[in-house]
Amino acid sequence: EPIIEHALDRISAAHPWYRTLAEPARKQIA
């Protein structure tokens, strides 16, 4: 679980396109 949470945080920080997605799309990627 910690690895998953850290991976999602890293994805959000490293990929600006991820932060611009709509909430449903981000949930699907998560």
mmCIF file of all heavy atoms, coordinates in Angstrom:
data_MODEL
# 
_entry.id   MODEL 
# 
loop_
_atom_site.group_PDB 
_atom_site.id 
_atom_site.type_symbol 
_atom_site.label_atom_id 
_atom_site.label_alt_id 
_atom_site.label_comp_id 
_atom_site.label_asym_id 
_atom_site.label_entity_id 
_atom_site.label_seq_id 
_atom_site.pdbx_PDB_ins_code 
_atom_site.Cartn_x 
_atom_site.Cartn_y 
_atom_site.Cartn_z 
_atom_site.occupancy 
_atom_site.B_iso_or_equiv 
_atom_site.pdbx_formal_charge 
_atom_site.auth_seq_id 
_atom_site.auth_comp_id 
_atom_site.auth_asym_id 
_atom_site.auth_atom_id 
_atom_site.pdbx_PDB_model_num 
ATOM 1   N N   . GLU A 1 1  ? 0.816   -1.219 0.000   1.00 0.00 ? 1  GLU A N   1 
ATOM 2   C CA  . GLU A 1 1  ? 0.000   0.000  0.000   1.00 0.00 ? 1  GLU A CA  1 
ATOM 3   C C   . GLU A 1 1  ? 0.851   1.271  0.000   1.00 0.00 ? 1  GLU A C   1 
ATOM 4   O O   . GLU A 1 1  ? 0.590   2.197  -0.768  1.00 0.00 ? 1  GLU A O   1 
ATOM 5   C CB  . GLU A 1 1  ? -0.977  -0.005 1.168   1.00 0.00 ? 1  GLU A CB  1 
ATOM 6   C CG  . GLU A 1 1  ? -2.180  -0.908 0.971   1.00 0.00 ? 1  GLU A CG  1 
ATOM 7   C CD  . GLU A 1 1  ? -2.981  -0.546 -0.266  1.00 0.00 ? 1  GLU A CD  1 
ATOM 8   O OE1 . GLU A 1 1  ? -3.193  0.664  -0.507  1.00 0.00 ? 1  GLU A OE1 1 
ATOM 9   O OE2 . GLU A 1 1  ? -3.382  -1.459 -1.008  1.00 0.00 ? 1  GLU A OE2 1 
ATOM 10  N N   . PRO A 1 2  ? 1.879   1.378  0.854   1.00 0.00 ? 2  PRO A N   1 
ATOM 11  C CA  . PRO A 1 2  ? 2.730   2.574  0.791   1.00 0.00 ? 2  PRO A CA  1 
ATOM 12  C C   . PRO A 1 2  ? 3.387   2.754  -0.579  1.00 0.00 ? 2  PRO A C   1 
ATOM 13  O O   . PRO A 1 2  ? 3.514   3.881  -1.067  1.00 0.00 ? 2  PRO A O   1 
ATOM 14  C CB  . PRO A 1 2  ? 3.766   2.332  1.888   1.00 0.00 ? 2  PRO A CB  1 
ATOM 15  C CG  . PRO A 1 2  ? 3.100   1.418  2.847   1.00 0.00 ? 2  PRO A CG  1 
ATOM 16  C CD  . PRO A 1 2  ? 2.245   0.528  2.009   1.00 0.00 ? 2  PRO A CD  1 
ATOM 17  N N   . ILE A 1 3  ? 3.830   1.646  -1.167  1.00 0.00 ? 3  ILE A N   1 
ATOM 18  C CA  . ILE A 1 3  ? 4.460   1.739  -2.495  1.00 0.00 ? 3  ILE A CA  1 
ATOM 19  C C   . ILE A 1 3  ? 3.466   2.285  -3.516  1.00 0.00 ? 3  ILE A C   1 
ATOM 20  O O   . ILE A 1 3  ? 3.807   3.134  -4.350  1.00 0.00 ? 3  ILE A O   1 
ATOM 21  C CB  . ILE A 1 3  ? 4.994   0.349  -2.924  1.00 0.00 ? 3  ILE A CB  1 
ATOM 22  C CG1 . ILE A 1 3  ? 6.202   -0.040 -2.083  1.00 0.00 ? 3  ILE A CG1 1 
ATOM 23  C CG2 . ILE A 1 3  ? 5.370   0.364  -4.408  1.00 0.00 ? 3  ILE A CG2 1 
ATOM 24  C CD1 . ILE A 1 3  ? 6.723   -1.444 -2.346  1.00 0.00 ? 3  ILE A CD1 1 
ATOM 25  N N   . ILE A 1 4  ? 2.219   1.815  -3.447  1.00 0.00 ? 4  ILE A N   1 
ATOM 26  C CA  . ILE A 1 4  ? 1.193   2.303  -4.375  1.00 0.00 ? 4  ILE A CA  1 
ATOM 27  C C   . ILE A 1 4  ? 0.983   3.803  -4.211  1.00 0.00 ? 4  ILE A C   1 
ATOM 28  O O   . ILE A 1 4  ? 0.946   4.562  -5.187  1.00 0.00 ? 4  ILE A O   1 
ATOM 29  C CB  . ILE A 1 4  ? -0.138  1.538  -4.148  1.00 0.00 ? 4  ILE A CB  1 
ATOM 30  C CG1 . ILE A 1 4  ? -0.005  0.080  -4.598  1.00 0.00 ? 4  ILE A CG1 1 
ATOM 31  C CG2 . ILE A 1 4  ? -1.284  2.230  -4.903  1.00 0.00 ? 4  ILE A CG2 1 
ATOM 32  C CD1 . ILE A 1 4  ? -1.206  -0.784 -4.249  1.00 0.00 ? 4  ILE A CD1 1 
ATOM 33  N N   . GLU A 1 5  ? 0.845   4.250  -2.966  1.00 0.00 ? 5  GLU A N   1 
ATOM 34  C CA  . GLU A 1 5  ? 0.604   5.677  -2.706  1.00 0.00 ? 5  GLU A CA  1 
ATOM 35  C C   . GLU A 1 5  ? 1.792   6.523  -3.169  1.00 0.00 ? 5  GLU A C   1 
ATOM 36  O O   . GLU A 1 5  ? 1.616   7.591  -3.770  1.00 0.00 ? 5  GLU A O   1 
ATOM 37  C CB  . GLU A 1 5  ? 0.335   5.906  -1.223  1.00 0.00 ? 5  GLU A CB  1 
ATOM 38  C CG  . GLU A 1 5  ? -0.955  5.257  -0.725  1.00 0.00 ? 5  GLU A CG  1 
ATOM 39  C CD  . GLU A 1 5  ? -2.183  5.708  -1.502  1.00 0.00 ? 5  GLU A CD  1 
ATOM 40  O OE1 . GLU A 1 5  ? -2.250  6.910  -1.877  1.00 0.00 ? 5  GLU A OE1 1 
ATOM 41  O OE2 . GLU A 1 5  ? -3.065  4.863  -1.744  1.00 0.00 ? 5  GLU A OE2 1 
ATOM 42  N N   . HIS A 1 6  ? 3.001   6.051  -2.907  1.00 0.00 ? 6  HIS A N   1 
ATOM 43  C CA  . HIS A 1 6  ? 4.181   6.792  -3.347  1.00 0.00 ? 6  HIS A CA  1 
ATOM 44  C C   . HIS A 1 6  ? 4.290   6.820  -4.872  1.00 0.00 ? 6  HIS A C   1 
ATOM 45  O O   . HIS A 1 6  ? 4.711   7.830  -5.450  1.00 0.00 ? 6  HIS A O   1 
ATOM 46  C CB  . HIS A 1 6  ? 5.438   6.164  -2.737  1.00 0.00 ? 6  HIS A CB  1 
ATOM 47  C CG  . HIS A 1 6  ? 5.500   6.282  -1.253  1.00 0.00 ? 6  HIS A CG  1 
ATOM 48  N ND1 . HIS A 1 6  ? 6.317   5.500  -0.462  1.00 0.00 ? 6  HIS A ND1 1 
ATOM 49  C CD2 . HIS A 1 6  ? 4.817   7.090  -0.382  1.00 0.00 ? 6  HIS A CD2 1 
ATOM 50  C CE1 . HIS A 1 6  ? 6.148   5.815  0.806   1.00 0.00 ? 6  HIS A CE1 1 
ATOM 51  N NE2 . HIS A 1 6  ? 5.226   6.778  0.879   1.00 0.00 ? 6  HIS A NE2 1 
ATOM 52  N N   . ALA A 1 7  ? 3.912   5.735  -5.528  1.00 0.00 ? 7  ALA A N   1 
ATOM 53  C CA  . ALA A 1 7  ? 3.950   5.688  -6.987  1.00 0.00 ? 7  ALA A CA  1 
ATOM 54  C C   . ALA A 1 7  ? 2.963   6.693  -7.585  1.00 0.00 ? 7  ALA A C   1 
ATOM 55  O O   . ALA A 1 7  ? 3.289   7.402  -8.554  1.00 0.00 ? 7  ALA A O   1 
ATOM 56  C CB  . ALA A 1 7  ? 3.630   4.283  -7.476  1.00 0.00 ? 7  ALA A CB  1 
ATOM 57  N N   . LEU A 1 8  ? 1.775   6.779  -7.015  1.00 0.00 ? 8  LEU A N   1 
ATOM 58  C CA  . LEU A 1 8  ? 0.779   7.740  -7.506  1.00 0.00 ? 8  LEU A CA  1 
ATOM 59  C C   . LEU A 1 8  ? 1.250   9.176  -7.279  1.00 0.00 ? 8  LEU A C   1 
ATOM 60  O O   . LEU A 1 8  ? 1.048   10.044 -8.141  1.00 0.00 ? 8  LEU A O   1 
ATOM 61  C CB  . LEU A 1 8  ? -0.565  7.503  -6.816  1.00 0.00 ? 8  LEU A CB  1 
ATOM 62  C CG  . LEU A 1 8  ? -1.290  6.198  -7.195  1.00 0.00 ? 8  LEU A CG  1 
ATOM 63  C CD1 . LEU A 1 8  ? -2.539  6.014  -6.337  1.00 0.00 ? 8  LEU A CD1 1 
ATOM 64  C CD2 . LEU A 1 8  ? -1.669  6.212  -8.671  1.00 0.00 ? 8  LEU A CD2 1 
ATOM 65  N N   . ASP A 1 9  ? 1.867   9.418  -6.133  1.00 0.00 ? 9  ASP A N   1 
ATOM 66  C CA  . ASP A 1 9  ? 2.405   10.758 -5.875  1.00 0.00 ? 9  ASP A CA  1 
ATOM 67  C C   . ASP A 1 9  ? 3.494   11.103 -6.887  1.00 0.00 ? 9  ASP A C   1 
ATOM 68  O O   . ASP A 1 9  ? 3.554   12.238 -7.387  1.00 0.00 ? 9  ASP A O   1 
ATOM 69  C CB  . ASP A 1 9  ? 2.980   10.834 -4.449  1.00 0.00 ? 9  ASP A CB  1 
ATOM 70  C CG  . ASP A 1 9  ? 1.894   10.770 -3.385  1.00 0.00 ? 9  ASP A CG  1 
ATOM 71  O OD1 . ASP A 1 9  ? 0.718   11.005 -3.722  1.00 0.00 ? 9  ASP A OD1 1 
ATOM 72  O OD2 . ASP A 1 9  ? 2.232   10.455 -2.214  1.00 0.00 ? 9  ASP A OD2 1 
ATOM 73  N N   . ARG A 1 10 ? 4.364   10.138 -7.197  1.00 0.00 ? 10 ARG A N   1 
ATOM 74  C CA  . ARG A 1 10 ? 5.440   10.380 -8.152  1.00 0.00 ? 10 ARG A CA  1 
ATOM 75  C C   . ARG A 1 10 ? 4.877   10.626 -9.557  1.00 0.00 ? 10 ARG A C   1 
ATOM 76  O O   . ARG A 1 10 ? 5.374   11.486 -10.283 1.00 0.00 ? 10 ARG A O   1 
ATOM 77  C CB  . ARG A 1 10 ? 6.378   9.175  -8.168  1.00 0.00 ? 10 ARG A CB  1 
ATOM 78  C CG  . ARG A 1 10 ? 7.580   9.303  -9.115  1.00 0.00 ? 10 ARG A CG  1 
ATOM 79  C CD  . ARG A 1 10 ? 8.688   10.105 -8.515  1.00 0.00 ? 10 ARG A CD  1 
ATOM 80  N NE  . ARG A 1 10 ? 9.225   9.476  -7.317  1.00 0.00 ? 10 ARG A NE  1 
ATOM 81  C CZ  . ARG A 1 10 ? 10.191  8.529  -7.325  1.00 0.00 ? 10 ARG A CZ  1 
ATOM 82  N NH1 . ARG A 1 10 ? 10.716  8.125  -8.477  1.00 0.00 ? 10 ARG A NH1 1 
ATOM 83  N NH2 . ARG A 1 10 ? 10.633  8.032  -6.190  1.00 0.00 ? 10 ARG A NH2 1 
ATOM 84  N N   . ILE A 1 11 ? 3.851   9.879  -9.931  1.00 0.00 ? 11 ILE A N   1 
ATOM 85  C CA  . ILE A 1 11 ? 3.226   10.077 -11.246 1.00 0.00 ? 11 ILE A CA  1 
ATOM 86  C C   . ILE A 1 11 ? 2.661   11.487 -11.360 1.00 0.00 ? 11 ILE A C   1 
ATOM 87  O O   . ILE A 1 11 ? 2.846   12.180 -12.360 1.00 0.00 ? 11 ILE A O   1 
ATOM 88  C CB  . ILE A 1 11 ? 2.118   9.023  -11.485 1.00 0.00 ? 11 ILE A CB  1 
ATOM 89  C CG1 . ILE A 1 11 ? 2.739   7.638  -11.704 1.00 0.00 ? 11 ILE A CG1 1 
ATOM 90  C CG2 . ILE A 1 11 ? 1.237   9.413  -12.680 1.00 0.00 ? 11 ILE A CG2 1 
ATOM 91  C CD1 . ILE A 1 11 ? 1.730   6.505  -11.726 1.00 0.00 ? 11 ILE A CD1 1 
ATOM 92  N N   . SER A 1 12 ? 1.981   11.934 -10.304 1.00 0.00 ? 12 SER A N   1 
ATOM 93  C CA  . SER A 1 12 ? 1.386   13.272 -10.318 1.00 0.00 ? 12 SER A CA  1 
ATOM 94  C C   . SER A 1 12 ? 2.459   14.350 -10.403 1.00 0.00 ? 12 SER A C   1 
ATOM 95  O O   . SER A 1 12 ? 2.301   15.350 -11.112 1.00 0.00 ? 12 SER A O   1 
ATOM 96  C CB  . SER A 1 12 ? 0.536   13.469 -9.064  1.00 0.00 ? 12 SER A CB  1 
ATOM 97  O OG  . SER A 1 12 ? -0.030  14.766 -9.039  1.00 0.00 ? 12 SER A OG  1 
ATOM 98  N N   . ALA A 1 13 ? 3.570   14.130 -9.700  1.00 0.00 ? 13 ALA A N   1 
ATOM 99  C CA  . ALA A 1 13 ? 4.636   15.142 -9.681  1.00 0.00 ? 13 ALA A CA  1 
ATOM 100 C C   . ALA A 1 13 ? 5.435   15.146 -10.977 1.00 0.00 ? 13 ALA A C   1 
ATOM 101 O O   . ALA A 1 13 ? 5.864   16.210 -11.456 1.00 0.00 ? 13 ALA A O   1 
ATOM 102 C CB  . ALA A 1 13 ? 5.562   14.891 -8.500  1.00 0.00 ? 13 ALA A CB  1 
ATOM 103 N N   . ALA A 1 14 ? 5.632   13.973 -11.585 1.00 0.00 ? 14 ALA A N   1 
ATOM 104 C CA  . ALA A 1 14 ? 6.526   13.858 -12.740 1.00 0.00 ? 14 ALA A CA  1 
ATOM 105 C C   . ALA A 1 14 ? 5.843   14.116 -14.072 1.00 0.00 ? 14 ALA A C   1 
ATOM 106 O O   . ALA A 1 14 ? 6.520   14.402 -15.068 1.00 0.00 ? 14 ALA A O   1 
ATOM 107 C CB  . ALA A 1 14 ? 7.165   12.464 -12.753 1.00 0.00 ? 14 ALA A CB  1 
ATOM 108 N N   . HIS A 1 15 ? 4.506   14.037 -14.115 1.00 0.00 ? 15 HIS A N   1 
ATOM 109 C CA  . HIS A 1 15 ? 3.801   14.140 -15.391 1.00 0.00 ? 15 HIS A CA  1 
ATOM 110 C C   . HIS A 1 15 ? 2.731   15.242 -15.313 1.00 0.00 ? 15 HIS A C   1 
ATOM 111 O O   . HIS A 1 15 ? 1.626   14.999 -14.799 1.00 0.00 ? 15 HIS A O   1 
ATOM 112 C CB  . HIS A 1 15 ? 3.154   12.803 -15.751 1.00 0.00 ? 15 HIS A CB  1 
ATOM 113 C CG  . HIS A 1 15 ? 4.141   11.679 -15.831 1.00 0.00 ? 15 HIS A CG  1 
ATOM 114 N ND1 . HIS A 1 15 ? 5.031   11.534 -16.884 1.00 0.00 ? 15 HIS A ND1 1 
ATOM 115 C CD2 . HIS A 1 15 ? 4.406   10.660 -14.970 1.00 0.00 ? 15 HIS A CD2 1 
ATOM 116 C CE1 . HIS A 1 15 ? 5.781   10.468 -16.685 1.00 0.00 ? 15 HIS A CE1 1 
ATOM 117 N NE2 . HIS A 1 15 ? 5.426   9.919  -15.524 1.00 0.00 ? 15 HIS A NE2 1 
ATOM 118 N N   . PRO A 1 16 ? 3.029   16.426 -15.830 1.00 0.00 ? 16 PRO A N   1 
ATOM 119 C CA  . PRO A 1 16 ? 2.049   17.533 -15.775 1.00 0.00 ? 16 PRO A CA  1 
ATOM 120 C C   . PRO A 1 16 ? 0.720   17.189 -16.433 1.00 0.00 ? 16 PRO A C   1 
ATOM 121 O O   . PRO A 1 16 ? -0.334  17.666 -16.000 1.00 0.00 ? 16 PRO A O   1 
ATOM 122 C CB  . PRO A 1 16 ? 2.770   18.661 -16.525 1.00 0.00 ? 16 PRO A CB  1 
ATOM 123 C CG  . PRO A 1 16 ? 4.224   18.335 -16.398 1.00 0.00 ? 16 PRO A CG  1 
ATOM 124 C CD  . PRO A 1 16 ? 4.308   16.843 -16.409 1.00 0.00 ? 16 PRO A CD  1 
ATOM 125 N N   . TRP A 1 17 ? 0.755   16.378 -17.497 1.00 0.00 ? 17 TRP A N   1 
ATOM 126 C CA  . TRP A 1 17 ? -0.487  16.023 -18.184 1.00 0.00 ? 17 TRP A CA  1 
ATOM 127 C C   . TRP A 1 17 ? -1.459  15.305 -17.244 1.00 0.00 ? 17 TRP A C   1 
ATOM 128 O O   . TRP A 1 17 ? -2.682  15.418 -17.406 1.00 0.00 ? 17 TRP A O   1 
ATOM 129 C CB  . TRP A 1 17 ? -0.203  15.150 -19.408 1.00 0.00 ? 17 TRP A CB  1 
ATOM 130 C CG  . TRP A 1 17 ? 0.550   13.881 -19.126 1.00 0.00 ? 17 TRP A CG  1 
ATOM 131 C CD1 . TRP A 1 17 ? 1.888   13.679 -19.235 1.00 0.00 ? 17 TRP A CD1 1 
ATOM 132 C CD2 . TRP A 1 17 ? 0.002   12.630 -18.671 1.00 0.00 ? 17 TRP A CD2 1 
ATOM 133 N NE1 . TRP A 1 17 ? 2.218   12.393 -18.873 1.00 0.00 ? 17 TRP A NE1 1 
ATOM 134 C CE2 . TRP A 1 17 ? 1.073   11.717 -18.531 1.00 0.00 ? 17 TRP A CE2 1 
ATOM 135 C CE3 . TRP A 1 17 ? -1.285  12.191 -18.369 1.00 0.00 ? 17 TRP A CE3 1 
ATOM 136 C CZ2 . TRP A 1 17 ? 0.891   10.413 -18.101 1.00 0.00 ? 17 TRP A CZ2 1 
ATOM 137 C CZ3 . TRP A 1 17 ? -1.469  10.879 -17.940 1.00 0.00 ? 17 TRP A CZ3 1 
ATOM 138 C CH2 . TRP A 1 17 ? -0.384  10.010 -17.819 1.00 0.00 ? 17 TRP A CH2 1 
ATOM 139 N N   . TYR A 1 18 ? -0.913  14.543 -16.295 1.00 0.00 ? 18 TYR A N   1 
ATOM 140 C CA  . TYR A 1 18 ? -1.762  13.804 -15.357 1.00 0.00 ? 18 TYR A CA  1 
ATOM 141 C C   . TYR A 1 18 ? -2.598  14.762 -14.516 1.00 0.00 ? 18 TYR A C   1 
ATOM 142 O O   . TYR A 1 18 ? -3.784  14.517 -14.264 1.00 0.00 ? 18 TYR A O   1 
ATOM 143 C CB  . TYR A 1 18 ? -0.885  12.921 -14.470 1.00 0.00 ? 18 TYR A CB  1 
ATOM 144 C CG  . TYR A 1 18 ? -1.633  12.153 -13.403 1.00 0.00 ? 18 TYR A CG  1 
ATOM 145 C CD1 . TYR A 1 18 ? -2.259  10.951 -13.707 1.00 0.00 ? 18 TYR A CD1 1 
ATOM 146 C CD2 . TYR A 1 18 ? -1.704  12.630 -12.100 1.00 0.00 ? 18 TYR A CD2 1 
ATOM 147 C CE1 . TYR A 1 18 ? -2.948  10.242 -12.727 1.00 0.00 ? 18 TYR A CE1 1 
ATOM 148 C CE2 . TYR A 1 18 ? -2.383  11.926 -11.114 1.00 0.00 ? 18 TYR A CE2 1 
ATOM 149 C CZ  . TYR A 1 18 ? -3.011  10.731 -11.440 1.00 0.00 ? 18 TYR A CZ  1 
ATOM 150 O OH  . TYR A 1 18 ? -3.696  10.031 -10.475 1.00 0.00 ? 18 TYR A OH  1 
ATOM 151 N N   . ARG A 1 19 ? -1.986  15.857 -14.107 1.00 0.00 ? 19 ARG A N   1 
ATOM 152 C CA  . ARG A 1 19 ? -2.693  16.815 -13.240 1.00 0.00 ? 19 ARG A CA  1 
ATOM 153 C C   . ARG A 1 19 ? -3.786  17.569 -13.982 1.00 0.00 ? 19 ARG A C   1 
ATOM 154 O O   . ARG A 1 19 ? -4.690  18.128 -13.354 1.00 0.00 ? 19 ARG A O   1 
ATOM 155 C CB  . ARG A 1 19 ? -1.682  17.802 -12.642 1.00 0.00 ? 19 ARG A CB  1 
ATOM 156 C CG  . ARG A 1 19 ? -0.634  17.132 -11.769 1.00 0.00 ? 19 ARG A CG  1 
ATOM 157 C CD  . ARG A 1 19 ? 0.178   18.150 -10.974 1.00 0.00 ? 19 ARG A CD  1 
ATOM 158 N NE  . ARG A 1 19 ? 0.951   19.034 -11.826 1.00 0.00 ? 19 ARG A NE  1 
ATOM 159 C CZ  . ARG A 1 19 ? 2.174   18.767 -12.283 1.00 0.00 ? 19 ARG A CZ  1 
ATOM 160 N NH1 . ARG A 1 19 ? 2.752   17.601 -11.969 1.00 0.00 ? 19 ARG A NH1 1 
ATOM 161 N NH2 . ARG A 1 19 ? 2.824   19.634 -13.033 1.00 0.00 ? 19 ARG A NH2 1 
ATOM 162 N N   . THR A 1 20 ? -3.713  17.606 -15.315 1.00 0.00 ? 20 THR A N   1 
ATOM 163 C CA  . THR A 1 20 ? -4.727  18.319 -16.100 1.00 0.00 ? 20 THR A CA  1 
ATOM 164 C C   . THR A 1 20 ? -5.927  17.446 -16.448 1.00 0.00 ? 20 THR A C   1 
ATOM 165 O O   . THR A 1 20 ? -6.910  17.944 -16.995 1.00 0.00 ? 20 THR A O   1 
ATOM 166 C CB  . THR A 1 20 ? -4.114  18.867 -17.400 1.00 0.00 ? 20 THR A CB  1 
ATOM 167 O OG1 . THR A 1 20 ? -3.714  17.773 -18.229 1.00 0.00 ? 20 THR A OG1 1 
ATOM 168 C CG2 . THR A 1 20 ? -2.914  19.755 -17.109 1.00 0.00 ? 20 THR A CG2 1 
ATOM 169 N N   . LEU A 1 21 ? -5.842  16.154 -16.151 1.00 0.00 ? 21 LEU A N   1 
ATOM 170 C CA  . LEU A 1 21 ? -6.945  15.251 -16.478 1.00 0.00 ? 21 LEU A CA  1 
ATOM 171 C C   . LEU A 1 21 ? -8.146  15.496 -15.573 1.00 0.00 ? 21 LEU A C   1 
ATOM 172 O O   . LEU A 1 21 ? -8.010  15.958 -14.439 1.00 0.00 ? 21 LEU A O   1 
ATOM 173 C CB  . LEU A 1 21 ? -6.500  13.794 -16.346 1.00 0.00 ? 21 LEU A CB  1 
ATOM 174 C CG  . LEU A 1 21 ? -5.433  13.285 -17.321 1.00 0.00 ? 21 LEU A CG  1 
ATOM 175 C CD1 . LEU A 1 21 ? -5.043  11.862 -16.961 1.00 0.00 ? 21 LEU A CD1 1 
ATOM 176 C CD2 . LEU A 1 21 ? -5.942  13.350 -18.759 1.00 0.00 ? 21 LEU A CD2 1 
ATOM 177 N N   . ALA A 1 22 ? -9.318  15.139 -16.092 1.00 0.00 ? 22 ALA A N   1 
ATOM 178 C CA  . ALA A 1 22 ? -10.525 15.201 -15.269 1.00 0.00 ? 22 ALA A CA  1 
ATOM 179 C C   . ALA A 1 22 ? -10.427 14.160 -14.150 1.00 0.00 ? 22 ALA A C   1 
ATOM 180 O O   . ALA A 1 22 ? -9.718  13.151 -14.269 1.00 0.00 ? 22 ALA A O   1 
ATOM 181 C CB  . ALA A 1 22 ? -11.759 14.945 -16.129 1.00 0.00 ? 22 ALA A CB  1 
ATOM 182 N N   . GLU A 1 23 ? -11.155 14.399 -13.086 1.00 0.00 ? 23 GLU A N   1 
ATOM 183 C CA  . GLU A 1 23 ? -11.100 13.525 -11.913 1.00 0.00 ? 23 GLU A CA  1 
ATOM 184 C C   . GLU A 1 23 ? -11.409 12.062 -12.244 1.00 0.00 ? 23 GLU A C   1 
ATOM 185 O O   . GLU A 1 23 ? -10.688 11.155 -11.781 1.00 0.00 ? 23 GLU A O   1 
ATOM 186 C CB  . GLU A 1 23 ? -12.066 14.030 -10.831 1.00 0.00 ? 23 GLU A CB  1 
ATOM 187 C CG  . GLU A 1 23 ? -12.035 13.222 -9.540  1.00 0.00 ? 23 GLU A CG  1 
ATOM 188 C CD  . GLU A 1 23 ? -10.685 13.307 -8.829  1.00 0.00 ? 23 GLU A CD  1 
ATOM 189 O OE1 . GLU A 1 23 ? -9.933  14.272 -9.074  1.00 0.00 ? 23 GLU A OE1 1 
ATOM 190 O OE2 . GLU A 1 23 ? -10.392 12.387 -8.030  1.00 0.00 ? 23 GLU A OE2 1 
ATOM 191 N N   . PRO A 1 24 ? -12.440 11.775 -13.076 1.00 0.00 ? 24 PRO A N   1 
ATOM 192 C CA  . PRO A 1 24 ? -12.704 10.361 -13.406 1.00 0.00 ? 24 PRO A CA  1 
ATOM 193 C C   . PRO A 1 24 ? -11.524 9.690  -14.089 1.00 0.00 ? 24 PRO A C   1 
ATOM 194 O O   . PRO A 1 24 ? -11.218 8.523  -13.804 1.00 0.00 ? 24 PRO A O   1 
ATOM 195 C CB  . PRO A 1 24 ? -13.926 10.449 -14.336 1.00 0.00 ? 24 PRO A CB  1 
ATOM 196 C CG  . PRO A 1 24 ? -14.591 11.730 -13.972 1.00 0.00 ? 24 PRO A CG  1 
ATOM 197 C CD  . PRO A 1 24 ? -13.484 12.666 -13.619 1.00 0.00 ? 24 PRO A CD  1 
ATOM 198 N N   . ALA A 1 25 ? -10.843 10.407 -14.986 1.00 0.00 ? 25 ALA A N   1 
ATOM 199 C CA  . ALA A 1 25 ? -9.699  9.822  -15.683 1.00 0.00 ? 25 ALA A CA  1 
ATOM 200 C C   . ALA A 1 25 ? -8.546  9.551  -14.722 1.00 0.00 ? 25 ALA A C   1 
ATOM 201 O O   . ALA A 1 25 ? -7.877  8.516  -14.804 1.00 0.00 ? 25 ALA A O   1 
ATOM 202 C CB  . ALA A 1 25 ? -9.245  10.744 -16.821 1.00 0.00 ? 25 ALA A CB  1 
ATOM 203 N N   . ARG A 1 26 ? -8.314  10.472 -13.787 1.00 0.00 ? 26 ARG A N   1 
ATOM 204 C CA  . ARG A 1 26 ? -7.243  10.259 -12.807 1.00 0.00 ? 26 ARG A CA  1 
ATOM 205 C C   . ARG A 1 26 ? -7.548  9.043  -11.922 1.00 0.00 ? 26 ARG A C   1 
ATOM 206 O O   . ARG A 1 26 ? -6.648  8.268  -11.585 1.00 0.00 ? 26 ARG A O   1 
ATOM 207 C CB  . ARG A 1 26 ? -7.049  11.511 -11.945 1.00 0.00 ? 26 ARG A CB  1 
ATOM 208 C CG  . ARG A 1 26 ? -6.414  12.669 -12.683 1.00 0.00 ? 26 ARG A CG  1 
ATOM 209 C CD  . ARG A 1 26 ? -5.758  13.653 -11.720 1.00 0.00 ? 26 ARG A CD  1 
ATOM 210 N NE  . ARG A 1 26 ? -6.683  14.185 -10.729 1.00 0.00 ? 26 ARG A NE  1 
ATOM 211 C CZ  . ARG A 1 26 ? -7.462  15.241 -10.911 1.00 0.00 ? 26 ARG A CZ  1 
ATOM 212 N NH1 . ARG A 1 26 ? -7.420  15.881 -12.088 1.00 0.00 ? 26 ARG A NH1 1 
ATOM 213 N NH2 . ARG A 1 26 ? -8.281  15.665 -9.975  1.00 0.00 ? 26 ARG A NH2 1 
ATOM 214 N N   . LYS A 1 27 ? -8.816  8.887  -11.571 1.00 0.00 ? 27 LYS A N   1 
ATOM 215 C CA  . LYS A 1 27 ? -9.201  7.726  -10.751 1.00 0.00 ? 27 LYS A CA  1 
ATOM 216 C C   . LYS A 1 27 ? -8.985  6.417  -11.513 1.00 0.00 ? 27 LYS A C   1 
ATOM 217 O O   . LYS A 1 27 ? -8.561  5.417  -10.928 1.00 0.00 ? 27 LYS A O   1 
ATOM 218 C CB  . LYS A 1 27 ? -10.663 7.844  -10.327 1.00 0.00 ? 27 LYS A CB  1 
ATOM 219 C CG  . LYS A 1 27 ? -10.904 8.909  -9.254  1.00 0.00 ? 27 LYS A CG  1 
ATOM 220 C CD  . LYS A 1 27 ? -12.365 8.929  -8.828  1.00 0.00 ? 27 LYS A CD  1 
ATOM 221 C CE  . LYS A 1 27 ? -12.585 9.936  -7.698  1.00 0.00 ? 27 LYS A CE  1 
ATOM 222 N NZ  . LYS A 1 27 ? -14.009 10.002 -7.290  1.00 0.00 ? 27 LYS A NZ  1 
ATOM 223 N N   . GLN A 1 28 ? -9.280  6.448  -12.809 1.00 0.00 ? 28 GLN A N   1 
ATOM 224 C CA  . GLN A 1 28 ? -9.071  5.247  -13.619 1.00 0.00 ? 28 GLN A CA  1 
ATOM 225 C C   . GLN A 1 28 ? -7.590  4.894  -13.713 1.00 0.00 ? 28 GLN A C   1 
ATOM 226 O O   . GLN A 1 28 ? -7.205  3.725  -13.622 1.00 0.00 ? 28 GLN A O   1 
ATOM 227 C CB  . GLN A 1 28 ? -9.667  5.454  -15.013 1.00 0.00 ? 28 GLN A CB  1 
ATOM 228 C CG  . GLN A 1 28 ? -11.189 5.505  -15.021 1.00 0.00 ? 28 GLN A CG  1 
ATOM 229 C CD  . GLN A 1 28 ? -11.755 6.128  -16.284 1.00 0.00 ? 28 GLN A CD  1 
ATOM 230 O OE1 . GLN A 1 28 ? -11.019 6.589  -17.147 1.00 0.00 ? 28 GLN A OE1 1 
ATOM 231 N NE2 . GLN A 1 28 ? -13.074 6.151  -16.389 1.00 0.00 ? 28 GLN A NE2 1 
ATOM 232 N N   . ILE A 1 29 ? -6.747  5.913  -13.895 1.00 0.00 ? 29 ILE A N   1 
ATOM 233 C CA  . ILE A 1 29 ? -5.305  5.673  -13.966 1.00 0.00 ? 29 ILE A CA  1 
ATOM 234 C C   . ILE A 1 29 ? -4.786  5.179  -12.616 1.00 0.00 ? 29 ILE A C   1 
ATOM 235 O O   . ILE A 1 29 ? -3.947  4.267  -12.543 1.00 0.00 ? 29 ILE A O   1 
ATOM 236 C CB  . ILE A 1 29 ? -4.570  6.959  -14.401 1.00 0.00 ? 29 ILE A CB  1 
ATOM 237 C CG1 . ILE A 1 29 ? -4.914  7.280  -15.855 1.00 0.00 ? 29 ILE A CG1 1 
ATOM 238 C CG2 . ILE A 1 29 ? -3.056  6.810  -14.225 1.00 0.00 ? 29 ILE A CG2 1 
ATOM 239 C CD1 . ILE A 1 29 ? -4.360  8.597  -16.339 1.00 0.00 ? 29 ILE A CD1 1 
ATOM 240 N N   . ALA A 1 30 ? -5.297  5.766  -11.534 1.00 0.00 ? 30 ALA A N   1 
ATOM 241 C CA  . ALA A 1 30 ? -4.895  5.314  -10.193 1.00 0.00 ? 30 ALA A CA  1 
ATOM 242 C C   . ALA A 1 30 ? -5.283  3.851  -9.994  1.00 0.00 ? 30 ALA A C   1 
ATOM 243 O O   . ALA A 1 30 ? -4.521  3.068  -9.403  1.00 0.00 ? 30 ALA A O   1 
ATOM 244 C CB  . ALA A 1 30 ? -5.541  6.191  -9.126  1.00 0.00 ? 30 ALA A CB  1 
# 
